[in-house]
Amino acid sequence: MSSASSQFLRRVIAQHPAQRDDIGDLVTRRPLPGPALEQLDPFLFLNHHGPQTYPANNRGLPFGPHPHRGFETVTFILEGSLAHADSASHQSVIHKGGVQWMTAGSGIVHAEISPSEFLRDGGPLEILQLWVNLPAHLKMSEPRYVGLQQESIPVIALPGGGELNLIAGQWQEQAGPIETLTGVFMSTLRLRAGTREQLPAAPGRQVFLYVVDGDVEVGGEPVQSHHLIEVDRDGDSLDIEASSDARLLFGHGDVIDEPVFSHGPFVMNTREEIAQAVDDYQNGKFGGLNV
């Protein structure tokens, strides 16, 4: 690559390891928030569940009905399946390769559990869940939900031989199937050993790059599996080379640059708004859900 083009490449600032934080028998790693990084505005939180294999007659995922307000959850089902239900009357079972995008907005109660077939038969499970913040003027948006199976997500062949699963945003002439409130771009990548790709990301946008597995270099710097890779905002592209087969979560979004007050499942701008969210939930204003 010529030096003329390399000046526009994003460079790695830091690598943030996922901290192990199992939930019962569910293997869980969390790179965000971490000891050195509270948020990567507008990205707030990432849980990496699995990979693991559940036996037959298992208890499945432990995420029964719980509330959210003020942000969005994006859930990537890499292996296994996930049953969703919420107080806005959405229901689905999403399988391997699928994605769920839920806007909690003004308030929703949802459950993310294992479907009955998985409880009975068991099998492999690996799931990522990312929280994306909403700016103040969108925090009280009407809740919404989109569940996509793998076949509804475009697979784009990249010039170097990799594959990009386009979930949200624009890639050249193609648009992802999910229209987001804030123009977030979101994708998953599969890179084979020896693959090298240059991925566009407009200057000023915050890149979100998580190495699910595999060995890669970003901008010539080796980065580790199960790490969130923080890059600068100056360049217009990201250079990634895989030395082994690898999977990555790659997105970017506009920086919100507003105060963040979070309390458990609520993310608002002020402490008073958090108190209001708790009060509204306790008074049934998010609706109910029985699963």
C-alpha atoms as a PDB file:
ATOM      1  CA  MET A   1       0.000   0.000   0.000  1.00  0.00           C
ATOM      2  CA  SER A   2       1.372   3.402  -0.941  1.00  0.00           C
ATOM      3  CA  SER A   3       2.253   5.968   1.680  1.00  0.00           C
ATOM      4  CA  ALA A   4      -0.149   8.399  -0.009  1.00  0.00           C
ATOM      5  CA  SER A   5      -3.143   6.216   0.837  1.00  0.00           C
ATOM      6  CA  SER A   6      -1.914   5.015   4.225  1.00  0.00           C
ATOM      7  CA  GLN A   7      -2.239   8.492   5.775  1.00  0.00           C
ATOM      8  CA  PHE A   8      -6.023   8.047   5.629  1.00  0.00           C
ATOM      9  CA  LEU A   9      -6.042   4.752   7.522  1.00  0.00           C
ATOM     10  CA  ARG A  10      -7.403   4.551  11.045  1.00  0.00           C
ATOM     11  CA  ARG A  11      -4.812   3.578  13.629  1.00  0.00           C
ATOM     12  CA  VAL A  12      -5.249   1.448  16.735  1.00  0.00           C
ATOM     13  CA  ILE A  13      -5.340   3.465  19.985  1.00  0.00           C
ATOM     14  CA  ALA A  14      -5.981   0.644  22.437  1.00  0.00           C
ATOM     15  CA  GLN A  15      -7.153  -2.940  22.791  1.00  0.00           C
ATOM     16  CA  HIS A  16      -9.710  -3.649  25.483  1.00  0.00           C
ATOM     17  CA  PRO A  17      -9.888  -7.285  26.632  1.00  0.00           C
ATOM     18  CA  ALA A  18     -13.247  -8.846  27.350  1.00  0.00           C
ATOM     19  CA  GLN A  19     -13.610  -9.528  31.063  1.00  0.00           C
ATOM     20  CA  ARG A  20     -14.977 -12.930  32.027  1.00  0.00           C
ATOM     21  CA  ASP A  21     -18.290 -12.539  33.890  1.00  0.00           C
ATOM     22  CA  ASP A  22     -20.323 -15.739  33.619  1.00  0.00           C
ATOM     23  CA  ILE A  23     -24.066 -15.625  34.294  1.00  0.00           C
ATOM     24  CA  GLY A  24     -24.887 -18.943  35.935  1.00  0.00           C
ATOM     25  CA  ASP A  25     -23.821 -21.616  33.462  1.00  0.00           C
ATOM     26  CA  LEU A  26     -23.760 -19.112  30.574  1.00  0.00           C
ATOM     27  CA  VAL A  27     -20.167 -18.323  29.555  1.00  0.00           C
ATOM     28  CA  THR A  28     -20.007 -14.524  29.271  1.00  0.00           C
ATOM     29  CA  ARG A  29     -17.244 -12.091  28.320  1.00  0.00           C
ATOM     30  CA  ARG A  30     -17.664  -8.293  28.370  1.00  0.00           C
ATOM     31  CA  PRO A  31     -15.224  -5.906  26.668  1.00  0.00           C
ATOM     32  CA  LEU A  32     -17.476  -2.872  27.148  1.00  0.00           C
ATOM     33  CA  PRO A  33     -17.703  -1.262  29.612  1.00  0.00           C
ATOM     34  CA  GLY A  34     -14.281  -2.261  30.883  1.00  0.00           C
ATOM     35  CA  PRO A  35     -11.633  -1.060  33.343  1.00  0.00           C
ATOM     36  CA  ALA A  36     -10.193   1.474  30.889  1.00  0.00           C
ATOM     37  CA  LEU A  37     -13.264   2.337  28.818  1.00  0.00           C
ATOM     38  CA  GLU A  38     -16.718   3.365  30.075  1.00  0.00           C
ATOM     39  CA  GLN A  39     -18.247   3.747  26.620  1.00  0.00           C
ATOM     40  CA  LEU A  40     -17.279   4.147  22.986  1.00  0.00           C
ATOM     41  CA  ASP A  41     -19.862   6.806  22.161  1.00  0.00           C
ATOM     42  CA  PRO A  42     -22.473   5.935  20.853  1.00  0.00           C
ATOM     43  CA  PHE A  43     -21.722   2.287  21.771  1.00  0.00           C
ATOM     44  CA  LEU A  44     -22.375   1.466  25.424  1.00  0.00           C
ATOM     45  CA  PHE A  45     -22.106  -2.234  26.152  1.00  0.00           C
ATOM     46  CA  LEU A  46     -21.194  -5.577  24.592  1.00  0.00           C
ATOM     47  CA  ASN A  47     -21.757  -9.043  26.017  1.00  0.00           C
ATOM     48  CA  HIS A  48     -20.251 -12.086  24.284  1.00  0.00           C
ATOM     49  CA  HIS A  49     -22.068 -15.253  25.388  1.00  0.00           C
ATOM     50  CA  GLY A  50     -20.428 -18.585  24.578  1.00  0.00           C
ATOM     51  CA  PRO A  51     -19.239 -20.305  22.537  1.00  0.00           C
ATOM     52  CA  GLN A  52     -20.420 -23.343  24.441  1.00  0.00           C
ATOM     53  CA  THR A  53     -22.539 -26.436  23.942  1.00  0.00           C
ATOM     54  CA  TYR A  54     -25.620 -27.020  26.063  1.00  0.00           C
ATOM     55  CA  PRO A  55     -26.693 -30.574  26.951  1.00  0.00           C
ATOM     56  CA  ALA A  56     -30.171 -31.925  26.345  1.00  0.00           C
ATOM     57  CA  ASN A  57     -32.787 -30.907  28.921  1.00  0.00           C
ATOM     58  CA  ASN A  58     -31.020 -27.654  29.826  1.00  0.00           C
ATOM     59  CA  ARG A  59     -32.367 -24.469  31.408  1.00  0.00           C
ATOM     60  CA  GLY A  60     -31.319 -22.256  28.498  1.00  0.00           C
ATOM     61  CA  LEU A  61     -30.755 -18.521  28.584  1.00  0.00           C
ATOM     62  CA  PRO A  62     -31.551 -16.714  31.864  1.00  0.00           C
ATOM     63  CA  PHE A  63     -32.916 -13.459  30.440  1.00  0.00           C
ATOM     64  CA  GLY A  64     -36.566 -13.465  31.498  1.00  0.00           C
ATOM     65  CA  PRO A  65     -38.760 -10.334  31.407  1.00  0.00           C
ATOM     66  CA  HIS A  66     -36.825  -7.130  32.165  1.00  0.00           C
ATOM     67  CA  PRO A  67     -37.212  -3.448  31.202  1.00  0.00           C
ATOM     68  CA  HIS A  68     -35.184  -1.021  29.084  1.00  0.00           C
ATOM     69  CA  ARG A  69     -35.425   2.692  28.242  1.00  0.00           C
ATOM     70  CA  GLY A  70     -33.322   5.175  26.278  1.00  0.00           C
ATOM     71  CA  PHE A  71     -31.233   3.048  23.914  1.00  0.00           C
ATOM     72  CA  GLU A  72     -31.235   0.141  21.447  1.00  0.00           C
ATOM     73  CA  THR A  73     -30.161  -3.498  21.742  1.00  0.00           C
ATOM     74  CA  VAL A  74     -28.650  -5.362  18.796  1.00  0.00           C
ATOM     75  CA  THR A  75     -28.377  -9.121  19.225  1.00  0.00           C
ATOM     76  CA  PHE A  76     -26.327 -11.349  16.918  1.00  0.00           C
ATOM     77  CA  ILE A  77     -27.106 -15.082  17.028  1.00  0.00           C
ATOM     78  CA  LEU A  78     -23.849 -16.676  15.857  1.00  0.00           C
ATOM     79  CA  GLU A  79     -24.835 -20.191  16.965  1.00  0.00           C
ATOM     80  CA  GLY A  80     -28.041 -21.637  18.356  1.00  0.00           C
ATOM     81  CA  SER A  81     -31.382 -19.839  18.575  1.00  0.00           C
ATOM     82  CA  LEU A  82     -33.104 -17.139  20.596  1.00  0.00           C
ATOM     83  CA  ALA A  83     -36.780 -16.562  21.428  1.00  0.00           C
ATOM     84  CA  HIS A  84     -37.848 -12.927  21.821  1.00  0.00           C
ATOM     85  CA  ALA A  85     -41.059 -11.519  23.290  1.00  0.00           C
ATOM     86  CA  ASP A  86     -41.839  -7.980  24.431  1.00  0.00           C
ATOM     87  CA  SER A  87     -44.551  -5.753  25.857  1.00  0.00           C
ATOM     88  CA  ALA A  88     -45.125  -4.168  22.427  1.00  0.00           C
ATOM     89  CA  SER A  89     -46.478  -7.538  21.199  1.00  0.00           C
ATOM     90  CA  HIS A  90     -43.434  -8.590  19.166  1.00  0.00           C
ATOM     91  CA  GLN A  91     -42.533 -12.274  19.167  1.00  0.00           C
ATOM     92  CA  SER A  92     -39.987 -14.274  17.201  1.00  0.00           C
ATOM     93  CA  VAL A  93     -37.508 -17.124  17.258  1.00  0.00           C
ATOM     94  CA  ILE A  94     -34.269 -16.168  15.490  1.00  0.00           C
ATOM     95  CA  HIS A  95     -31.802 -18.847  14.455  1.00  0.00           C
ATOM     96  CA  LYS A  96     -28.094 -19.065  13.641  1.00  0.00           C
ATOM     97  CA  GLY A  97     -26.887 -16.144  11.516  1.00  0.00           C
ATOM     98  CA  GLY A  98     -29.864 -13.954  12.391  1.00  0.00           C
ATOM     99  CA  VAL A  99     -30.030 -10.576  14.116  1.00  0.00           C
ATOM    100  CA  GLN A 100     -32.487  -8.737  16.377  1.00  0.00           C
ATOM    101  CA  TRP A 101     -32.615  -4.929  16.550  1.00  0.00           C
ATOM    102  CA  MET A 102     -34.801  -3.536  19.322  1.00  0.00           C
ATOM    103  CA  THR A 103     -35.387   0.132  20.061  1.00  0.00           C
ATOM    104  CA  ALA A 104     -36.326   0.351  23.732  1.00  0.00           C
ATOM    105  CA  GLY A 105     -37.037   4.070  23.358  1.00  0.00           C
ATOM    106  CA  SER A 106     -39.635   5.298  25.838  1.00  0.00           C
ATOM    107  CA  GLY A 107     -39.789   1.939  27.571  1.00  0.00           C
ATOM    108  CA  ILE A 108     -40.271  -1.749  26.883  1.00  0.00           C
ATOM    109  CA  VAL A 109     -40.230  -5.023  28.770  1.00  0.00           C
ATOM    110  CA  HIS A 110     -38.701  -7.926  26.880  1.00  0.00           C
ATOM    111  CA  ALA A 111     -37.501 -11.474  27.389  1.00  0.00           C
ATOM    112  CA  GLU A 112     -34.692 -13.279  25.579  1.00  0.00           C
ATOM    113  CA  ILE A 113     -34.871 -16.978  26.323  1.00  0.00           C
ATOM    114  CA  SER A 114     -34.146 -20.278  24.631  1.00  0.00           C
ATOM    115  CA  PRO A 115     -36.957 -21.827  22.575  1.00  0.00           C
ATOM    116  CA  SER A 116     -38.445 -25.126  23.706  1.00  0.00           C
ATOM    117  CA  GLU A 117     -36.545 -27.156  21.085  1.00  0.00           C
ATOM    118  CA  PHE A 118     -33.212 -25.878  22.387  1.00  0.00           C
ATOM    119  CA  LEU A 119     -34.212 -26.597  25.990  1.00  0.00           C
ATOM    120  CA  ARG A 120     -35.073 -30.154  24.962  1.00  0.00           C
ATOM    121  CA  ASP A 121     -32.229 -30.955  22.571  1.00  0.00           C
ATOM    122  CA  GLY A 122     -29.390 -28.608  23.568  1.00  0.00           C
ATOM    123  CA  GLY A 123     -26.664 -27.700  21.102  1.00  0.00           C
ATOM    124  CA  PRO A 124     -24.064 -25.008  20.382  1.00  0.00           C
ATOM    125  CA  LEU A 125     -24.726 -21.425  21.468  1.00  0.00           C
ATOM    126  CA  GLU A 126     -22.893 -18.167  20.793  1.00  0.00           C
ATOM    127  CA  ILE A 127     -24.583 -14.771  21.000  1.00  0.00           C
ATOM    128  CA  LEU A 128     -23.393 -11.151  21.007  1.00  0.00           C
ATOM    129  CA  GLN A 129     -25.493  -8.314  22.405  1.00  0.00           C
ATOM    130  CA  LEU A 130     -24.559  -4.701  21.744  1.00  0.00           C
ATOM    131  CA  TRP A 131     -26.212  -1.634  23.288  1.00  0.00           C
ATOM    132  CA  VAL A 132     -26.353   1.497  21.116  1.00  0.00           C
ATOM    133  CA  ASN A 133     -27.169   4.819  22.755  1.00  0.00           C
ATOM    134  CA  LEU A 134     -29.841   7.213  21.522  1.00  0.00           C
ATOM    135  CA  PRO A 135     -29.478  11.025  21.633  1.00  0.00           C
ATOM    136  CA  ALA A 136     -31.730  12.947  24.017  1.00  0.00           C
ATOM    137  CA  HIS A 137     -34.266  13.874  21.344  1.00  0.00           C
ATOM    138  CA  LEU A 138     -34.788  10.193  20.441  1.00  0.00           C
ATOM    139  CA  LYS A 139     -34.682   8.541  23.871  1.00  0.00           C
ATOM    140  CA  MET A 140     -38.459   8.585  24.200  1.00  0.00           C
ATOM    141  CA  SER A 141     -39.086   7.206  20.704  1.00  0.00           C
ATOM    142  CA  GLU A 142     -41.803   4.613  20.260  1.00  0.00           C
ATOM    143  CA  PRO A 143     -40.402   1.130  20.949  1.00  0.00           C
ATOM    144  CA  ARG A 144     -39.839  -1.057  17.902  1.00  0.00           C
ATOM    145  CA  TYR A 145     -38.354  -4.413  17.027  1.00  0.00           C
ATOM    146  CA  VAL A 146     -36.995  -6.106  13.903  1.00  0.00           C
ATOM    147  CA  GLY A 147     -35.984  -9.766  13.848  1.00  0.00           C
ATOM    148  CA  LEU A 148     -34.090 -11.039  10.804  1.00  0.00           C
ATOM    149  CA  GLN A 149     -33.181 -14.589   9.877  1.00  0.00           C
ATOM    150  CA  GLN A 150     -29.859 -15.240   8.163  1.00  0.00           C
ATOM    151  CA  GLU A 151     -31.397 -15.389   4.688  1.00  0.00           C
ATOM    152  CA  SER A 152     -32.681 -11.802   5.046  1.00  0.00           C
ATOM    153  CA  ILE A 153     -29.188 -10.374   5.625  1.00  0.00           C
ATOM    154  CA  PRO A 154     -27.200  -9.590   2.448  1.00  0.00           C
ATOM    155  CA  VAL A 155     -23.806 -11.275   2.145  1.00  0.00           C
ATOM    156  CA  ILE A 156     -21.335  -9.067   0.267  1.00  0.00           C
ATOM    157  CA  ALA A 157     -18.164 -10.525  -1.227  1.00  0.00           C
ATOM    158  CA  LEU A 158     -15.264  -8.214  -0.395  1.00  0.00           C
ATOM    159  CA  PRO A 159     -12.374  -7.504  -2.806  1.00  0.00           C
ATOM    160  CA  GLY A 160      -9.818  -9.424  -0.733  1.00  0.00           C
ATOM    161  CA  GLY A 161     -11.929 -12.558  -0.427  1.00  0.00           C
ATOM    162  CA  GLY A 162     -13.735 -11.854   2.842  1.00  0.00           C
ATOM    163  CA  GLU A 163     -17.477 -11.679   3.427  1.00  0.00           C
ATOM    164  CA  LEU A 164     -19.492  -8.879   4.992  1.00  0.00           C
ATOM    165  CA  ASN A 165     -23.005  -9.477   6.333  1.00  0.00           C
ATOM    166  CA  LEU A 166     -24.721  -6.101   5.910  1.00  0.00           C
ATOM    167  CA  ILE A 167     -27.202  -5.478   8.718  1.00  0.00           C
ATOM    168  CA  ALA A 168     -27.682  -1.689   8.771  1.00  0.00           C
ATOM    169  CA  GLY A 169     -26.358   1.226   6.763  1.00  0.00           C
ATOM    170  CA  GLN A 170     -24.976   1.586   3.267  1.00  0.00           C
ATOM    171  CA  TRP A 171     -22.279  -0.438   1.541  1.00  0.00           C
ATOM    172  CA  GLN A 172     -21.560   0.988  -1.908  1.00  0.00           C
ATOM    173  CA  GLU A 173     -24.933   0.720  -3.697  1.00  0.00           C
ATOM    174  CA  GLN A 174     -26.536  -1.678  -1.219  1.00  0.00           C
ATOM    175  CA  ALA A 175     -28.544  -0.805   1.896  1.00  0.00           C
ATOM    176  CA  GLY A 176     -28.824  -3.033   4.929  1.00  0.00           C
ATOM    177  CA  PRO A 177     -32.296  -4.396   5.788  1.00  0.00           C
ATOM    178  CA  ILE A 178     -32.563  -2.448   9.086  1.00  0.00           C
ATOM    179  CA  GLU A 179     -33.207   1.298   8.936  1.00  0.00           C
ATOM    180  CA  THR A 180     -31.791   2.803  12.106  1.00  0.00           C
ATOM    181  CA  LEU A 181     -32.883   5.978  13.895  1.00  0.00           C
ATOM    182  CA  THR A 182     -29.356   7.393  14.021  1.00  0.00           C
ATOM    183  CA  GLY A 183     -27.653   6.189  10.843  1.00  0.00           C
ATOM    184  CA  VAL A 184     -25.551   3.516  12.548  1.00  0.00           C
ATOM    185  CA  PHE A 185     -23.691   1.163  10.213  1.00  0.00           C
ATOM    186  CA  MET A 186     -23.527  -2.433  11.442  1.00  0.00           C
ATOM    187  CA  SER A 187     -22.115  -5.642   9.997  1.00  0.00           C
ATOM    188  CA  THR A 188     -20.380  -8.892  10.785  1.00  0.00           C
ATOM    189  CA  LEU A 189     -17.245  -9.991   8.930  1.00  0.00           C
ATOM    190  CA  ARG A 190     -15.779 -13.355   8.028  1.00  0.00           C
ATOM    191  CA  LEU A 191     -12.154 -13.265   6.896  1.00  0.00           C
ATOM    192  CA  ARG A 192     -10.205 -16.286   5.731  1.00  0.00           C
ATOM    193  CA  ALA A 193      -6.528 -16.703   6.555  1.00  0.00           C
ATOM    194  CA  GLY A 194      -4.505 -14.474   4.233  1.00  0.00           C
ATOM    195  CA  THR A 195      -7.436 -12.130   3.544  1.00  0.00           C
ATOM    196  CA  ARG A 196      -6.757  -8.408   3.574  1.00  0.00           C
ATOM    197  CA  GLU A 197      -9.546  -5.843   3.379  1.00  0.00           C
ATOM    198  CA  GLN A 198      -9.820  -2.077   3.505  1.00  0.00           C
ATOM    199  CA  LEU A 199     -13.140  -1.066   5.057  1.00  0.00           C
ATOM    200  CA  PRO A 200     -14.519   2.469   4.680  1.00  0.00           C
ATOM    201  CA  ALA A 201     -15.462   4.531   7.749  1.00  0.00           C
ATOM    202  CA  ALA A 202     -16.033   8.258   7.271  1.00  0.00           C
ATOM    203  CA  PRO A 203     -13.784  10.596   9.311  1.00  0.00           C
ATOM    204  CA  GLY A 204     -15.303  11.596  12.644  1.00  0.00           C
ATOM    205  CA  ARG A 205     -17.453   8.491  12.954  1.00  0.00           C
ATOM    206  CA  GLN A 206     -16.815   6.203  15.906  1.00  0.00           C
ATOM    207  CA  VAL A 207     -15.722   2.747  14.760  1.00  0.00           C
ATOM    208  CA  PHE A 208     -16.820  -0.311  16.720  1.00  0.00           C
ATOM    209  CA  LEU A 209     -14.573  -3.305  16.041  1.00  0.00           C
ATOM    210  CA  TYR A 210     -14.678  -6.477  18.135  1.00  0.00           C
ATOM    211  CA  VAL A 211     -12.672  -9.603  17.340  1.00  0.00           C
ATOM    212  CA  VAL A 212     -15.018 -12.526  17.989  1.00  0.00           C
ATOM    213  CA  ASP A 213     -12.301 -15.046  17.166  1.00  0.00           C
ATOM    214  CA  GLY A 214      -9.188 -15.424  15.040  1.00  0.00           C
ATOM    215  CA  ASP A 215      -5.888 -13.597  14.587  1.00  0.00           C
ATOM    216  CA  VAL A 216      -5.873 -10.325  12.654  1.00  0.00           C
ATOM    217  CA  GLU A 217      -3.857  -7.150  12.211  1.00  0.00           C
ATOM    218  CA  VAL A 218      -5.501  -3.730  12.116  1.00  0.00           C
ATOM    219  CA  GLY A 219      -3.430  -1.036  10.453  1.00  0.00           C
ATOM    220  CA  GLY A 220      -0.434  -3.371  10.692  1.00  0.00           C
ATOM    221  CA  GLU A 221      -0.814  -3.898  14.456  1.00  0.00           C
ATOM    222  CA  PRO A 222      -1.583  -7.418  15.738  1.00  0.00           C
ATOM    223  CA  VAL A 223      -4.826  -7.478  17.711  1.00  0.00           C
ATOM    224  CA  GLN A 224      -6.215 -10.215  19.905  1.00  0.00           C
ATOM    225  CA  SER A 225      -9.329 -12.349  19.913  1.00  0.00           C
ATOM    226  CA  HIS A 226     -12.012 -11.327  22.441  1.00  0.00           C
ATOM    227  CA  HIS A 227     -10.758  -7.725  22.351  1.00  0.00           C
ATOM    228  CA  LEU A 228     -12.545  -4.520  21.490  1.00  0.00           C
ATOM    229  CA  ILE A 229     -10.237  -2.553  19.207  1.00  0.00           C
ATOM    230  CA  GLU A 230     -10.342   1.210  19.746  1.00  0.00           C
ATOM    231  CA  VAL A 231      -9.195   3.214  16.731  1.00  0.00           C
ATOM    232  CA  ASP A 232      -8.819   6.932  16.085  1.00  0.00           C
ATOM    233  CA  ARG A 233     -11.453   9.000  14.266  1.00  0.00           C
ATOM    234  CA  ASP A 234      -9.133  10.679  11.766  1.00  0.00           C
ATOM    235  CA  GLY A 235      -8.899   8.289   8.852  1.00  0.00           C
ATOM    236  CA  ASP A 236     -11.467   7.248   6.283  1.00  0.00           C
ATOM    237  CA  SER A 237     -10.806   3.495   6.223  1.00  0.00           C
ATOM    238  CA  LEU A 238      -9.684   0.530   8.263  1.00  0.00           C
ATOM    239  CA  ASP A 239      -7.045  -1.930   7.031  1.00  0.00           C
ATOM    240  CA  ILE A 240      -7.559  -5.479   8.352  1.00  0.00           C
ATOM    241  CA  GLU A 241      -5.436  -8.515   7.526  1.00  0.00           C
ATOM    242  CA  ALA A 242      -6.265 -11.998   8.826  1.00  0.00           C
ATOM    243  CA  SER A 243      -3.487 -14.457   9.636  1.00  0.00           C
ATOM    244  CA  SER A 244      -6.079 -17.105  10.536  1.00  0.00           C
ATOM    245  CA  ASP A 245      -9.777 -17.525   9.818  1.00  0.00           C
ATOM    246  CA  ALA A 246     -11.494 -14.775  11.796  1.00  0.00           C
ATOM    247  CA  ARG A 247     -14.888 -13.324  12.659  1.00  0.00           C
ATOM    248  CA  LEU A 248     -15.410  -9.692  13.630  1.00  0.00           C
ATOM    249  CA  LEU A 249     -18.178  -7.288  14.533  1.00  0.00           C
ATOM    250  CA  PHE A 250     -17.700  -4.064  12.548  1.00  0.00           C
ATOM    251  CA  GLY A 251     -19.833  -0.967  12.850  1.00  0.00           C
ATOM    252  CA  HIS A 252     -19.616   2.798  13.110  1.00  0.00           C
ATOM    253  CA  GLY A 253     -21.835   5.656  14.193  1.00  0.00           C
ATOM    254  CA  ASP A 254     -21.987   9.383  14.844  1.00  0.00           C
ATOM    255  CA  VAL A 255     -20.693  10.492  18.235  1.00  0.00           C
ATOM    256  CA  ILE A 256     -23.578  11.774  20.392  1.00  0.00           C
ATOM    257  CA  ASP A 257     -21.431  13.717  22.905  1.00  0.00           C
ATOM    258  CA  GLU A 258     -24.117  14.064  25.583  1.00  0.00           C
ATOM    259  CA  PRO A 259     -24.077  13.174  29.299  1.00  0.00           C
ATOM    260  CA  VAL A 260     -24.792   9.498  29.984  1.00  0.00           C
ATOM    261  CA  PHE A 261     -26.534   8.434  33.189  1.00  0.00           C
ATOM    262  CA  SER A 262     -27.160   4.712  33.371  1.00  0.00           C
ATOM    263  CA  HIS A 263     -28.763   2.579  36.031  1.00  0.00           C
ATOM    264  CA  GLY A 264     -29.072  -1.115  35.205  1.00  0.00           C
ATOM    265  CA  PRO A 265     -31.376  -1.391  32.199  1.00  0.00           C
ATOM    266  CA  PHE A 266     -31.984   2.356  31.781  1.00  0.00           C
ATOM    267  CA  VAL A 267     -29.698   4.814  29.942  1.00  0.00           C
ATOM    268  CA  MET A 268     -30.676   8.494  30.050  1.00  0.00           C
ATOM    269  CA  ASN A 269     -29.030  11.939  30.179  1.00  0.00           C
ATOM    270  CA  THR A 270     -29.718  12.922  33.791  1.00  0.00           C
ATOM    271  CA  ARG A 271     -30.144  11.330  37.192  1.00  0.00           C
ATOM    272  CA  GLU A 272     -33.692  12.723  37.337  1.00  0.00           C
ATOM    273  CA  GLU A 273     -34.585  10.936  34.092  1.00  0.00           C
ATOM    274  CA  ILE A 274     -33.301   7.670  35.571  1.00  0.00           C
ATOM    275  CA  ALA A 275     -35.513   8.176  38.644  1.00  0.00           C
ATOM    276  CA  GLN A 276     -38.454   8.832  36.311  1.00  0.00           C
ATOM    277  CA  ALA A 277     -37.713   5.671  34.325  1.00  0.00           C
ATOM    278  CA  VAL A 278     -37.675   3.562  37.492  1.00  0.00           C
ATOM    279  CA  ASP A 279     -40.929   5.149  38.644  1.00  0.00           C
ATOM    280  CA  ASP A 280     -42.617   4.667  35.255  1.00  0.00           C
ATOM    281  CA  TYR A 281     -41.579   1.023  35.121  1.00  0.00           C
ATOM    282  CA  GLN A 282     -42.750   0.329  38.665  1.00  0.00           C
ATOM    283  CA  ASN A 283     -46.095   1.950  37.824  1.00  0.00           C
ATOM    284  CA  GLY A 284     -46.641  -0.295  34.791  1.00  0.00           C
ATOM    285  CA  LYS A 285     -46.078   2.347  32.096  1.00  0.00           C
ATOM    286  CA  PHE A 286     -43.795   0.030  30.099  1.00  0.00           C
ATOM    287  CA  GLY A 287     -46.532  -2.567  29.767  1.00  0.00           C
ATOM    288  CA  GLY A 288     -46.359  -6.150  30.942  1.00  0.00           C
ATOM    289  CA  LEU A 289     -45.062  -9.459  29.652  1.00  0.00           C
ATOM    290  CA  ASN A 290     -45.741 -13.028  30.708  1.00  0.00           C
ATOM    291  CA  VAL A 291     -43.528 -15.783  29.307  1.00  0.00           C
END
